Amino acid sequence: MSMYPILLIILGVLPAAVIIFYILRFDSYNQEPRGLLALLFLSGMIICVPVYFAEVYLDRIIYDAFGQTGVLYTLIRVLLCVALVEEGFKFLAVRIFGYWHRDFDEIYDGMIYCVMVGMGFAAVENILYVLGNGVSVAIARALTAVPVHAVFGLLMGYYLSLSKFDAAGHTKYAIASLLAPVILHAAYDFLLMVGYLPALLLVIVIINLMYKRSFFLIRSVYAIPPIVPFTDPETGITYIPDYPTPDELDAVPDSQKTIRPPQAPYMPPVTDGTDGGENSQN
C-alpha cells in the first residue's frame, strides 16, 4: 500500500492540529475539559455531512433562480449556500454542545469552543481537497483556508461569549456571533471566486487584516479572568461582574498583563497616580 495517501491525510489534518495547540496555549485559567474539546471537534467533523446536502440543495435553488453565471449568482451562492450554511452549522454545534456547559465561564472559552468546531470542519474539508489535489494544495490551504476558518471561529466565539455574559446585549451579540463570520466568510470566498487580479490582491490584504485582528483578540481576551455570577443575598438578584473589553486590555502595558488567579475580580490598572501610593510620589 502506498504511503502517499497517508501522507496527504497527515498534511490535511496538521494545520488544524497546530492551530488548536496554539489556541489552547492561552487557556490560562480554568482549562477546558478534554472530553468537551474532543466533542466539539468531532461535532465539527460530523456537520460536514448536513452541510454538504444543504449546500447541494440550496445551490440548485440558486441556480434555477439566477443561472450559473454572473457576479450576482456568485455573490448569492457564497453568501447563502456556503457562508451561511457552514457558519450556521458551526454556530448550532457550539450552541448545542458548548454554550450551556458548566465550564463556559470565560470570554476566551467561547473562542476556544468555536475554533474547535471550526477546526473539526476544516480538517475534513482540507483532507478532501488535499487527497484530490496533492501536496501543493496542502501547503496553500495550510496558509489560507484552514487558518481562515479559525479566524471565523475566533470572531464567532468572541461575540457568542459576550451574548452569554452580557444580559443587556444578549440579542445583538448573539446575532453578531453568526452574522460577522458569515459576512467575512462570504467576502473571502466571493473575492476568490471572482478571480480578477485586484480581487485576489484584496484577498491578501483581508487575510492579513484578519490574522492581525485574531492575534489581537487572543492576546487581549485570554487575560480576562473567569466571570463568576454572584447573587445579592438581600434582593436575590443575580449579577454578572463587568469585564474589560479587548481595546481596554490592549491599552494596558504588557508588563501589567499578569495572569491573575482563577476567579479573581478584574482590577483596572492605576495609571494616573491618584491612589496615594508610590505612583503619586513620582
C-alpha atoms as a PDB file:
ATOM      1  CA  MET A   1       0.000   0.000   0.000  1.00  0.00           C
ATOM      2  CA  SER A   2       1.328   3.405  -0.976  1.00  0.00           C
ATOM      3  CA  MET A   3       2.170   5.773   1.884  1.00  0.00           C
ATOM      4  CA  TYR A   4       1.323   8.809  -0.245  1.00  0.00           C
ATOM      5  CA  PRO A   5      -2.393   8.971   0.703  1.00  0.00           C
ATOM      6  CA  ILE A   6      -1.474   8.634   4.377  1.00  0.00           C
ATOM      7  CA  LEU A   7       0.990  11.496   3.980  1.00  0.00           C
ATOM      8  CA  LEU A   8      -1.717  13.619   2.369  1.00  0.00           C
ATOM      9  CA  ILE A   9      -4.132  12.880   5.209  1.00  0.00           C
ATOM     10  CA  ILE A  10      -1.494  13.906   7.750  1.00  0.00           C
ATOM     11  CA  LEU A  11      -0.856  17.108   5.806  1.00  0.00           C
ATOM     12  CA  GLY A  12      -4.599  17.710   5.726  1.00  0.00           C
ATOM     13  CA  VAL A  13      -5.007  17.398   9.481  1.00  0.00           C
ATOM     14  CA  LEU A  14      -1.740  19.036  10.555  1.00  0.00           C
ATOM     15  CA  PRO A  15      -2.762  22.718  10.119  1.00  0.00           C
ATOM     16  CA  ALA A  16      -5.852  22.231  12.296  1.00  0.00           C
ATOM     17  CA  ALA A  17      -3.787  20.439  14.942  1.00  0.00           C
ATOM     18  CA  VAL A  18      -1.209  23.253  15.043  1.00  0.00           C
ATOM     19  CA  ILE A  19      -3.898  25.912  15.367  1.00  0.00           C
ATOM     20  CA  ILE A  20      -5.632  24.011  18.181  1.00  0.00           C
ATOM     21  CA  PHE A  21      -2.340  23.641  20.035  1.00  0.00           C
ATOM     22  CA  TYR A  22      -1.693  27.366  19.677  1.00  0.00           C
ATOM     23  CA  ILE A  23      -5.174  28.393  20.828  1.00  0.00           C
ATOM     24  CA  LEU A  24      -5.119  26.114  23.883  1.00  0.00           C
ATOM     25  CA  ARG A  25      -1.757  27.524  24.999  1.00  0.00           C
ATOM     26  CA  PHE A  26      -3.620  30.671  26.061  1.00  0.00           C
ATOM     27  CA  ASP A  27      -6.252  28.865  28.142  1.00  0.00           C
ATOM     28  CA  SER A  28      -4.675  30.236  31.317  1.00  0.00           C
ATOM     29  CA  TYR A  29      -7.388  29.930  33.952  1.00  0.00           C
ATOM     30  CA  ASN A  30      -9.837  27.018  34.205  1.00  0.00           C
ATOM     31  CA  GLN A  31      -8.667  24.772  31.389  1.00  0.00           C
ATOM     32  CA  GLU A  32     -11.449  23.211  29.359  1.00  0.00           C
ATOM     33  CA  PRO A  33     -12.237  19.504  29.793  1.00  0.00           C
ATOM     34  CA  ARG A  34     -10.543  17.456  27.119  1.00  0.00           C
ATOM     35  CA  GLY A  35     -13.717  15.461  26.618  1.00  0.00           C
ATOM     36  CA  LEU A  36     -15.656  18.636  25.790  1.00  0.00           C
ATOM     37  CA  LEU A  37     -12.962  19.784  23.376  1.00  0.00           C
ATOM     38  CA  ALA A  38     -12.972  16.404  21.650  1.00  0.00           C
ATOM     39  CA  LEU A  39     -16.762  16.510  21.397  1.00  0.00           C
ATOM     40  CA  LEU A  40     -16.680  19.963  19.825  1.00  0.00           C
ATOM     41  CA  PHE A  41     -14.002  18.896  17.343  1.00  0.00           C
ATOM     42  CA  LEU A  42     -15.965  15.758  16.471  1.00  0.00           C
ATOM     43  CA  SER A  43     -19.158  17.764  16.018  1.00  0.00           C
ATOM     44  CA  GLY A  44     -17.293  19.984  13.557  1.00  0.00           C
ATOM     45  CA  MET A  45     -16.364  16.894  11.568  1.00  0.00           C
ATOM     46  CA  ILE A  46     -19.902  15.490  11.666  1.00  0.00           C
ATOM     47  CA  ILE A  47     -21.604  18.669  10.452  1.00  0.00           C
ATOM     48  CA  CYS A  48     -19.738  18.264   7.158  1.00  0.00           C
ATOM     49  CA  VAL A  49     -22.456  15.782   6.172  1.00  0.00           C
ATOM     50  CA  PRO A  50     -25.523  18.039   6.611  1.00  0.00           C
ATOM     51  CA  VAL A  51     -23.516  20.986   5.272  1.00  0.00           C
ATOM     52  CA  TYR A  52     -22.862  19.080   2.048  1.00  0.00           C
ATOM     53  CA  PHE A  53     -26.519  18.210   1.482  1.00  0.00           C
ATOM     54  CA  ALA A  54     -27.712  21.684   2.440  1.00  0.00           C
ATOM     55  CA  GLU A  55     -25.248  23.296   0.036  1.00  0.00           C
ATOM     56  CA  VAL A  56     -26.261  20.982  -2.811  1.00  0.00           C
ATOM     57  CA  TYR A  57     -29.959  21.711  -2.209  1.00  0.00           C
ATOM     58  CA  LEU A  58     -29.512  25.484  -1.980  1.00  0.00           C
ATOM     59  CA  ASP A  59     -27.180  25.538  -4.965  1.00  0.00           C
ATOM     60  CA  ARG A  60     -29.919  24.029  -7.123  1.00  0.00           C
ATOM     61  CA  ILE A  61     -32.403  26.645  -5.949  1.00  0.00           C
ATOM     62  CA  ILE A  62     -29.968  29.498  -6.596  1.00  0.00           C
ATOM     63  CA  TYR A  63     -29.061  28.081  -9.992  1.00  0.00           C
ATOM     64  CA  ASP A  64     -32.720  27.885 -11.035  1.00  0.00           C
ATOM     65  CA  ALA A  65     -33.256  31.463  -9.870  1.00  0.00           C
ATOM     66  CA  PHE A  66     -30.152  33.174 -11.248  1.00  0.00           C
ATOM     67  CA  GLY A  67     -28.434  30.785 -13.631  1.00  0.00           C
ATOM     68  CA  GLN A  68     -24.890  29.532 -13.150  1.00  0.00           C
ATOM     69  CA  THR A  69     -23.123  32.582 -14.495  1.00  0.00           C
ATOM     70  CA  GLY A  70     -22.562  36.141 -13.464  1.00  0.00           C
ATOM     71  CA  VAL A  71     -21.402  38.053 -10.427  1.00  0.00           C
ATOM     72  CA  LEU A  72     -24.858  38.061  -8.833  1.00  0.00           C
ATOM     73  CA  TYR A  73     -25.063  34.274  -8.880  1.00  0.00           C
ATOM     74  CA  THR A  74     -21.587  34.022  -7.340  1.00  0.00           C
ATOM     75  CA  LEU A  75     -22.443  36.537  -4.621  1.00  0.00           C
ATOM     76  CA  ILE A  76     -25.744  34.872  -3.670  1.00  0.00           C
ATOM     77  CA  ARG A  77     -24.147  31.437  -3.762  1.00  0.00           C
ATOM     78  CA  VAL A  78     -21.214  32.249  -1.477  1.00  0.00           C
ATOM     79  CA  LEU A  79     -23.436  34.187   0.926  1.00  0.00           C
ATOM     80  CA  LEU A  80     -26.353  31.766   1.324  1.00  0.00           C
ATOM     81  CA  CYS A  81     -25.093  28.442   0.021  1.00  0.00           C
ATOM     82  CA  VAL A  82     -21.588  28.494   1.503  1.00  0.00           C
ATOM     83  CA  ALA A  83     -21.038  31.079   4.242  1.00  0.00           C
ATOM     84  CA  LEU A  84     -24.465  30.951   5.912  1.00  0.00           C
ATOM     85  CA  VAL A  85     -24.711  27.162   5.768  1.00  0.00           C
ATOM     86  CA  GLU A  86     -21.203  26.444   7.042  1.00  0.00           C
ATOM     87  CA  GLU A  87     -21.105  29.104   9.744  1.00  0.00           C
ATOM     88  CA  GLY A  88     -24.716  28.354  10.676  1.00  0.00           C
ATOM     89  CA  PHE A  89     -23.999  24.683  11.368  1.00  0.00           C
ATOM     90  CA  LYS A  90     -20.855  25.605  13.316  1.00  0.00           C
ATOM     91  CA  PHE A  91     -22.943  28.036  15.359  1.00  0.00           C
ATOM     92  CA  LEU A  92     -25.540  25.360  16.095  1.00  0.00           C
ATOM     93  CA  ALA A  93     -22.869  22.850  17.128  1.00  0.00           C
ATOM     94  CA  VAL A  94     -21.384  25.257  19.668  1.00  0.00           C
ATOM     95  CA  ARG A  95     -24.808  26.267  20.965  1.00  0.00           C
ATOM     96  CA  ILE A  96     -25.770  22.630  21.472  1.00  0.00           C
ATOM     97  CA  PHE A  97     -22.559  21.215  22.936  1.00  0.00           C
ATOM     98  CA  GLY A  98     -20.701  24.160  24.437  1.00  0.00           C
ATOM     99  CA  TYR A  99     -22.846  27.193  25.195  1.00  0.00           C
ATOM    100  CA  TRP A 100     -24.657  25.755  28.212  1.00  0.00           C
ATOM    101  CA  HIS A 101     -21.713  23.769  29.545  1.00  0.00           C
ATOM    102  CA  ARG A 102     -20.852  24.487  33.186  1.00  0.00           C
ATOM    103  CA  ASP A 103     -17.198  25.116  32.283  1.00  0.00           C
ATOM    104  CA  PHE A 104     -18.090  28.004  29.964  1.00  0.00           C
ATOM    105  CA  ASP A 105     -17.084  30.740  32.412  1.00  0.00           C
ATOM    106  CA  GLU A 106     -14.626  32.895  30.446  1.00  0.00           C
ATOM    107  CA  ILE A 107     -14.820  35.111  27.373  1.00  0.00           C
ATOM    108  CA  TYR A 108     -11.943  33.114  25.889  1.00  0.00           C
ATOM    109  CA  ASP A 109     -13.867  29.853  26.347  1.00  0.00           C
ATOM    110  CA  GLY A 110     -16.338  30.767  23.621  1.00  0.00           C
ATOM    111  CA  MET A 111     -13.471  31.438  21.255  1.00  0.00           C
ATOM    112  CA  ILE A 112     -11.924  28.051  22.072  1.00  0.00           C
ATOM    113  CA  TYR A 113     -15.224  26.234  21.524  1.00  0.00           C
ATOM    114  CA  CYS A 114     -15.881  27.836  18.149  1.00  0.00           C
ATOM    115  CA  VAL A 115     -12.323  27.232  16.971  1.00  0.00           C
ATOM    116  CA  MET A 116     -12.571  23.552  17.959  1.00  0.00           C
ATOM    117  CA  VAL A 117     -15.741  23.126  15.894  1.00  0.00           C
ATOM    118  CA  GLY A 118     -14.236  25.103  13.032  1.00  0.00           C
ATOM    119  CA  MET A 119     -11.064  23.026  13.037  1.00  0.00           C
ATOM    120  CA  GLY A 120     -13.044  19.795  13.011  1.00  0.00           C
ATOM    121  CA  PHE A 121     -14.897  21.043   9.957  1.00  0.00           C
ATOM    122  CA  ALA A 122     -11.750  22.423   8.323  1.00  0.00           C
ATOM    123  CA  ALA A 123      -9.837  19.174   8.903  1.00  0.00           C
ATOM    124  CA  VAL A 124     -12.377  17.101   6.968  1.00  0.00           C
ATOM    125  CA  GLU A 125     -12.694  19.700   4.219  1.00  0.00           C
ATOM    126  CA  ASN A 126      -8.929  20.003   3.953  1.00  0.00           C
ATOM    127  CA  ILE A 127      -8.367  16.253   3.766  1.00  0.00           C
ATOM    128  CA  LEU A 128     -10.803  16.012   0.848  1.00  0.00           C
ATOM    129  CA  TYR A 129      -9.131  18.869  -1.015  1.00  0.00           C
ATOM    130  CA  VAL A 130      -5.618  17.568  -0.357  1.00  0.00           C
ATOM    131  CA  LEU A 131      -6.422  13.975  -1.369  1.00  0.00           C
ATOM    132  CA  GLY A 132      -7.817  15.262  -4.634  1.00  0.00           C
ATOM    133  CA  ASN A 133      -5.125  17.810  -5.442  1.00  0.00           C
ATOM    134  CA  GLY A 134      -1.851  16.886  -3.755  1.00  0.00           C
ATOM    135  CA  VAL A 135       0.878  18.456  -1.681  1.00  0.00           C
ATOM    136  CA  SER A 136       0.851  21.888  -3.340  1.00  0.00           C
ATOM    137  CA  VAL A 137      -2.770  22.415  -2.338  1.00  0.00           C
ATOM    138  CA  ALA A 138      -1.987  21.164   1.168  1.00  0.00           C
ATOM    139  CA  ILE A 139       0.666  23.854   1.557  1.00  0.00           C
ATOM    140  CA  ALA A 140      -1.531  26.597   0.112  1.00  0.00           C
ATOM    141  CA  ARG A 141      -4.536  25.739   2.269  1.00  0.00           C
ATOM    142  CA  ALA A 142      -2.366  25.426   5.373  1.00  0.00           C
ATOM    143  CA  LEU A 143      -1.583  29.118   4.993  1.00  0.00           C
ATOM    144  CA  THR A 144      -5.024  30.302   3.905  1.00  0.00           C
ATOM    145  CA  ALA A 145      -8.217  28.245   4.108  1.00  0.00           C
ATOM    146  CA  VAL A 146      -7.611  26.426   7.397  1.00  0.00           C
ATOM    147  CA  PRO A 147      -6.391  29.457   9.393  1.00  0.00           C
ATOM    148  CA  VAL A 148      -9.261  31.483   7.919  1.00  0.00           C
ATOM    149  CA  HIS A 149     -11.735  29.001   9.418  1.00  0.00           C
ATOM    150  CA  ALA A 150     -10.001  29.588  12.745  1.00  0.00           C
ATOM    151  CA  VAL A 151     -10.440  33.340  12.299  1.00  0.00           C
ATOM    152  CA  PHE A 152     -14.157  32.839  11.689  1.00  0.00           C
ATOM    153  CA  GLY A 153     -14.290  30.741  14.859  1.00  0.00           C
ATOM    154  CA  LEU A 154     -12.485  33.325  16.980  1.00  0.00           C
ATOM    155  CA  LEU A 155     -14.844  36.045  15.807  1.00  0.00           C
ATOM    156  CA  MET A 156     -17.933  33.909  16.344  1.00  0.00           C
ATOM    157  CA  GLY A 157     -16.727  32.779  19.753  1.00  0.00           C
ATOM    158  CA  TYR A 158     -15.941  36.280  20.968  1.00  0.00           C
ATOM    159  CA  TYR A 159     -19.438  37.579  20.252  1.00  0.00           C
ATOM    160  CA  LEU A 160     -21.020  34.349  21.489  1.00  0.00           C
ATOM    161  CA  SER A 161     -19.257  34.836  24.823  1.00  0.00           C
ATOM    162  CA  LEU A 162     -20.496  38.406  25.021  1.00  0.00           C
ATOM    163  CA  SER A 163     -24.038  37.197  24.364  1.00  0.00           C
ATOM    164  CA  LYS A 164     -23.681  34.771  27.282  1.00  0.00           C
ATOM    165  CA  PHE A 165     -22.197  37.175  29.808  1.00  0.00           C
ATOM    166  CA  ASP A 166     -23.826  40.472  28.803  1.00  0.00           C
ATOM    167  CA  ALA A 167     -27.533  40.205  29.559  1.00  0.00           C
ATOM    168  CA  ALA A 168     -28.296  43.682  28.219  1.00  0.00           C
ATOM    169  CA  GLY A 169     -26.608  42.974  24.901  1.00  0.00           C
ATOM    170  CA  HIS A 170     -27.523  39.293  24.626  1.00  0.00           C
ATOM    171  CA  THR A 171     -29.592  39.560  21.455  1.00  0.00           C
ATOM    172  CA  LYS A 172     -27.305  41.860  19.491  1.00  0.00           C
ATOM    173  CA  TYR A 173     -24.209  39.854  20.388  1.00  0.00           C
ATOM    174  CA  ALA A 174     -25.928  36.565  19.537  1.00  0.00           C
ATOM    175  CA  ILE A 175     -26.824  37.957  16.119  1.00  0.00           C
ATOM    176  CA  ALA A 176     -23.301  39.313  15.659  1.00  0.00           C
ATOM    177  CA  SER A 177     -21.788  35.933  16.544  1.00  0.00           C
ATOM    178  CA  LEU A 178     -23.413  34.462  13.439  1.00  0.00           C
ATOM    179  CA  LEU A 179     -23.605  37.486  11.159  1.00  0.00           C
ATOM    180  CA  ALA A 180     -19.972  38.623  11.498  1.00  0.00           C
ATOM    181  CA  PRO A 181     -18.334  35.336  10.413  1.00  0.00           C
ATOM    182  CA  VAL A 182     -20.950  34.837   7.676  1.00  0.00           C
ATOM    183  CA  ILE A 183     -20.195  38.221   6.129  1.00  0.00           C
ATOM    184  CA  LEU A 184     -16.438  37.758   6.451  1.00  0.00           C
ATOM    185  CA  HIS A 185     -16.631  34.222   5.033  1.00  0.00           C
ATOM    186  CA  ALA A 186     -18.782  35.359   2.110  1.00  0.00           C
ATOM    187  CA  ALA A 187     -16.457  38.261   1.292  1.00  0.00           C
ATOM    188  CA  TYR A 188     -13.409  35.986   1.371  1.00  0.00           C
ATOM    189  CA  ASP A 189     -14.958  33.320  -0.875  1.00  0.00           C
ATOM    190  CA  PHE A 190     -16.514  35.854  -3.246  1.00  0.00           C
ATOM    191  CA  LEU A 191     -13.224  37.603  -3.933  1.00  0.00           C
ATOM    192  CA  LEU A 192     -11.524  34.256  -4.557  1.00  0.00           C
ATOM    193  CA  MET A 193     -14.252  33.058  -6.919  1.00  0.00           C
ATOM    194  CA  VAL A 194     -14.362  36.291  -8.911  1.00  0.00           C
ATOM    195  CA  GLY A 195     -10.762  35.587  -9.892  1.00  0.00           C
ATOM    196  CA  TYR A 196      -9.772  39.089 -11.011  1.00  0.00           C
ATOM    197  CA  LEU A 197      -6.268  40.177 -10.069  1.00  0.00           C
ATOM    198  CA  PRO A 198      -7.455  43.188  -7.996  1.00  0.00           C
ATOM    199  CA  ALA A 199      -9.830  40.876  -6.113  1.00  0.00           C
ATOM    200  CA  LEU A 200      -7.054  38.389  -5.397  1.00  0.00           C
ATOM    201  CA  LEU A 201      -4.803  41.188  -4.160  1.00  0.00           C
ATOM    202  CA  LEU A 202      -7.635  42.374  -1.924  1.00  0.00           C
ATOM    203  CA  VAL A 203      -7.912  38.834  -0.535  1.00  0.00           C
ATOM    204  CA  ILE A 204      -4.272  39.028   0.547  1.00  0.00           C
ATOM    205  CA  VAL A 205      -4.979  42.319   2.315  1.00  0.00           C
ATOM    206  CA  ILE A 206      -8.086  40.917   4.003  1.00  0.00           C
ATOM    207  CA  ILE A 207      -6.251  37.790   5.160  1.00  0.00           C
ATOM    208  CA  ASN A 208      -3.502  39.939   6.635  1.00  0.00           C
ATOM    209  CA  LEU A 209      -6.023  42.099   8.483  1.00  0.00           C
ATOM    210  CA  MET A 210      -7.940  39.042   9.728  1.00  0.00           C
ATOM    211  CA  TYR A 211      -4.788  37.443  11.100  1.00  0.00           C
ATOM    212  CA  LYS A 212      -3.760  40.650  12.853  1.00  0.00           C
ATOM    213  CA  ARG A 213      -7.214  41.053  14.399  1.00  0.00           C
ATOM    214  CA  SER A 214      -7.202  37.435  15.518  1.00  0.00           C
ATOM    215  CA  PHE A 215      -3.871  37.755  17.294  1.00  0.00           C
ATOM    216  CA  PHE A 216      -5.160  40.956  18.884  1.00  0.00           C
ATOM    217  CA  LEU A 217      -8.279  39.200  20.186  1.00  0.00           C
ATOM    218  CA  ILE A 218      -6.300  36.252  21.533  1.00  0.00           C
ATOM    219  CA  ARG A 219      -3.690  38.450  23.167  1.00  0.00           C
ATOM    220  CA  SER A 220      -6.330  40.640  24.795  1.00  0.00           C
ATOM    221  CA  VAL A 221      -9.183  38.308  25.685  1.00  0.00           C
ATOM    222  CA  TYR A 222      -7.281  35.375  27.195  1.00  0.00           C
ATOM    223  CA  ALA A 223      -6.230  37.560  30.154  1.00  0.00           C
ATOM    224  CA  ILE A 224      -9.845  38.222  31.189  1.00  0.00           C
ATOM    225  CA  PRO A 225     -10.468  36.070  34.279  1.00  0.00           C
ATOM    226  CA  PRO A 226     -13.490  33.800  34.740  1.00  0.00           C
ATOM    227  CA  ILE A 227     -16.755  35.690  35.017  1.00  0.00           C
ATOM    228  CA  VAL A 228     -18.489  34.342  38.104  1.00  0.00           C
ATOM    229  CA  PRO A 229     -22.082  35.488  38.669  1.00  0.00           C
ATOM    230  CA  PHE A 230     -22.984  36.417  42.231  1.00  0.00           C
ATOM    231  CA  THR A 231     -26.365  36.744  43.923  1.00  0.00           C
ATOM    232  CA  ASP A 232     -27.291  39.557  46.281  1.00  0.00           C
ATOM    233  CA  PRO A 233     -28.485  37.791  49.457  1.00  0.00           C
ATOM    234  CA  GLU A 234     -30.892  40.619  50.258  1.00  0.00           C
ATOM    235  CA  THR A 235     -32.581  41.075  46.887  1.00  0.00           C
ATOM    236  CA  GLY A 236     -31.971  37.632  45.376  1.00  0.00           C
ATOM    237  CA  ILE A 237     -30.867  39.331  42.143  1.00  0.00           C
ATOM    238  CA  THR A 238     -28.015  37.652  40.270  1.00  0.00           C
ATOM    239  CA  TYR A 239     -25.360  39.935  38.831  1.00  0.00           C
ATOM    240  CA  ILE A 240     -22.578  39.323  36.337  1.00  0.00           C
ATOM    241  CA  PRO A 241     -19.458  41.387  37.073  1.00  0.00           C
ATOM    242  CA  ASP A 242     -18.068  43.780  34.497  1.00  0.00           C
ATOM    243  CA  TYR A 243     -15.224  42.631  32.284  1.00  0.00           C
ATOM    244  CA  PRO A 244     -12.685  44.635  30.276  1.00  0.00           C
ATOM    245  CA  THR A 245     -13.016  44.887  26.525  1.00  0.00           C
ATOM    246  CA  PRO A 246     -10.136  43.837  24.237  1.00  0.00           C
ATOM    247  CA  ASP A 247      -9.453  47.502  23.471  1.00  0.00           C
ATOM    248  CA  GLU A 248      -9.166  48.284  27.183  1.00  0.00           C
ATOM    249  CA  LEU A 249      -6.810  45.380  27.733  1.00  0.00           C
ATOM    250  CA  ASP A 250      -4.761  46.302  24.690  1.00  0.00           C
ATOM    251  CA  ALA A 251      -4.125  49.715  26.262  1.00  0.00           C
ATOM    252  CA  VAL A 252      -2.580  48.055  29.309  1.00  0.00           C
ATOM    253  CA  PRO A 253       1.228  47.744  29.128  1.00  0.00           C
ATOM    254  CA  ASP A 254       2.402  44.164  28.626  1.00  0.00           C
ATOM    255  CA  SER A 255       4.271  44.336  31.938  1.00  0.00           C
ATOM    256  CA  GLN A 256       0.927  44.720  33.744  1.00  0.00           C
ATOM    257  CA  LYS A 257      -0.842  41.895  31.904  1.00  0.00           C
ATOM    258  CA  THR A 258      -0.085  39.347  34.596  1.00  0.00           C
ATOM    259  CA  ILE A 259      -2.387  36.388  34.839  1.00  0.00           C
ATOM    260  CA  ARG A 260      -4.469  36.652  37.972  1.00  0.00           C
ATOM    261  CA  PRO A 261      -5.603  33.634  39.996  1.00  0.00           C
ATOM    262  CA  PRO A 262      -8.768  31.913  38.733  1.00  0.00           C
ATOM    263  CA  GLN A 263     -11.991  33.757  39.548  1.00  0.00           C
ATOM    264  CA  ALA A 264     -10.158  36.860  40.763  1.00  0.00           C
ATOM    265  CA  PRO A 265     -12.070  40.067  40.017  1.00  0.00           C
ATOM    266  CA  TYR A 266     -10.793  42.286  37.256  1.00  0.00           C
ATOM    267  CA  MET A 267      -8.917  45.300  38.626  1.00  0.00           C
ATOM    268  CA  PRO A 268      -8.130  48.012  36.063  1.00  0.00           C
ATOM    269  CA  PRO A 269      -4.555  49.309  36.286  1.00  0.00           C
ATOM    270  CA  VAL A 270      -3.942  52.617  38.048  1.00  0.00           C
ATOM    271  CA  THR A 271      -2.372  54.958  35.539  1.00  0.00           C
ATOM    272  CA  ASP A 272      -2.977  58.465  36.854  1.00  0.00           C
ATOM    273  CA  GLY A 273      -1.085  58.144  40.128  1.00  0.00           C
ATOM    274  CA  THR A 274      -4.011  59.419  42.232  1.00  0.00           C
ATOM    275  CA  ASP A 275      -4.224  56.405  44.519  1.00  0.00           C
ATOM    276  CA  GLY A 276      -1.810  57.903  47.031  1.00  0.00           C
ATOM    277  CA  GLY A 277       0.695  55.084  46.520  1.00  0.00           C
ATOM    278  CA  GLU A 278       4.136  55.080  45.026  1.00  0.00           C
ATOM    279  CA  ASN A 279       2.884  56.338  41.665  1.00  0.00           C
ATOM    280  CA  SER A 280       1.613  59.548  43.226  1.00  0.00           C
ATOM    281  CA  GLN A 281       5.008  60.283  44.694  1.00  0.00           C
ATOM    282  CA  ASN A 282       6.878  60.112  41.363  1.00  0.00           C
END
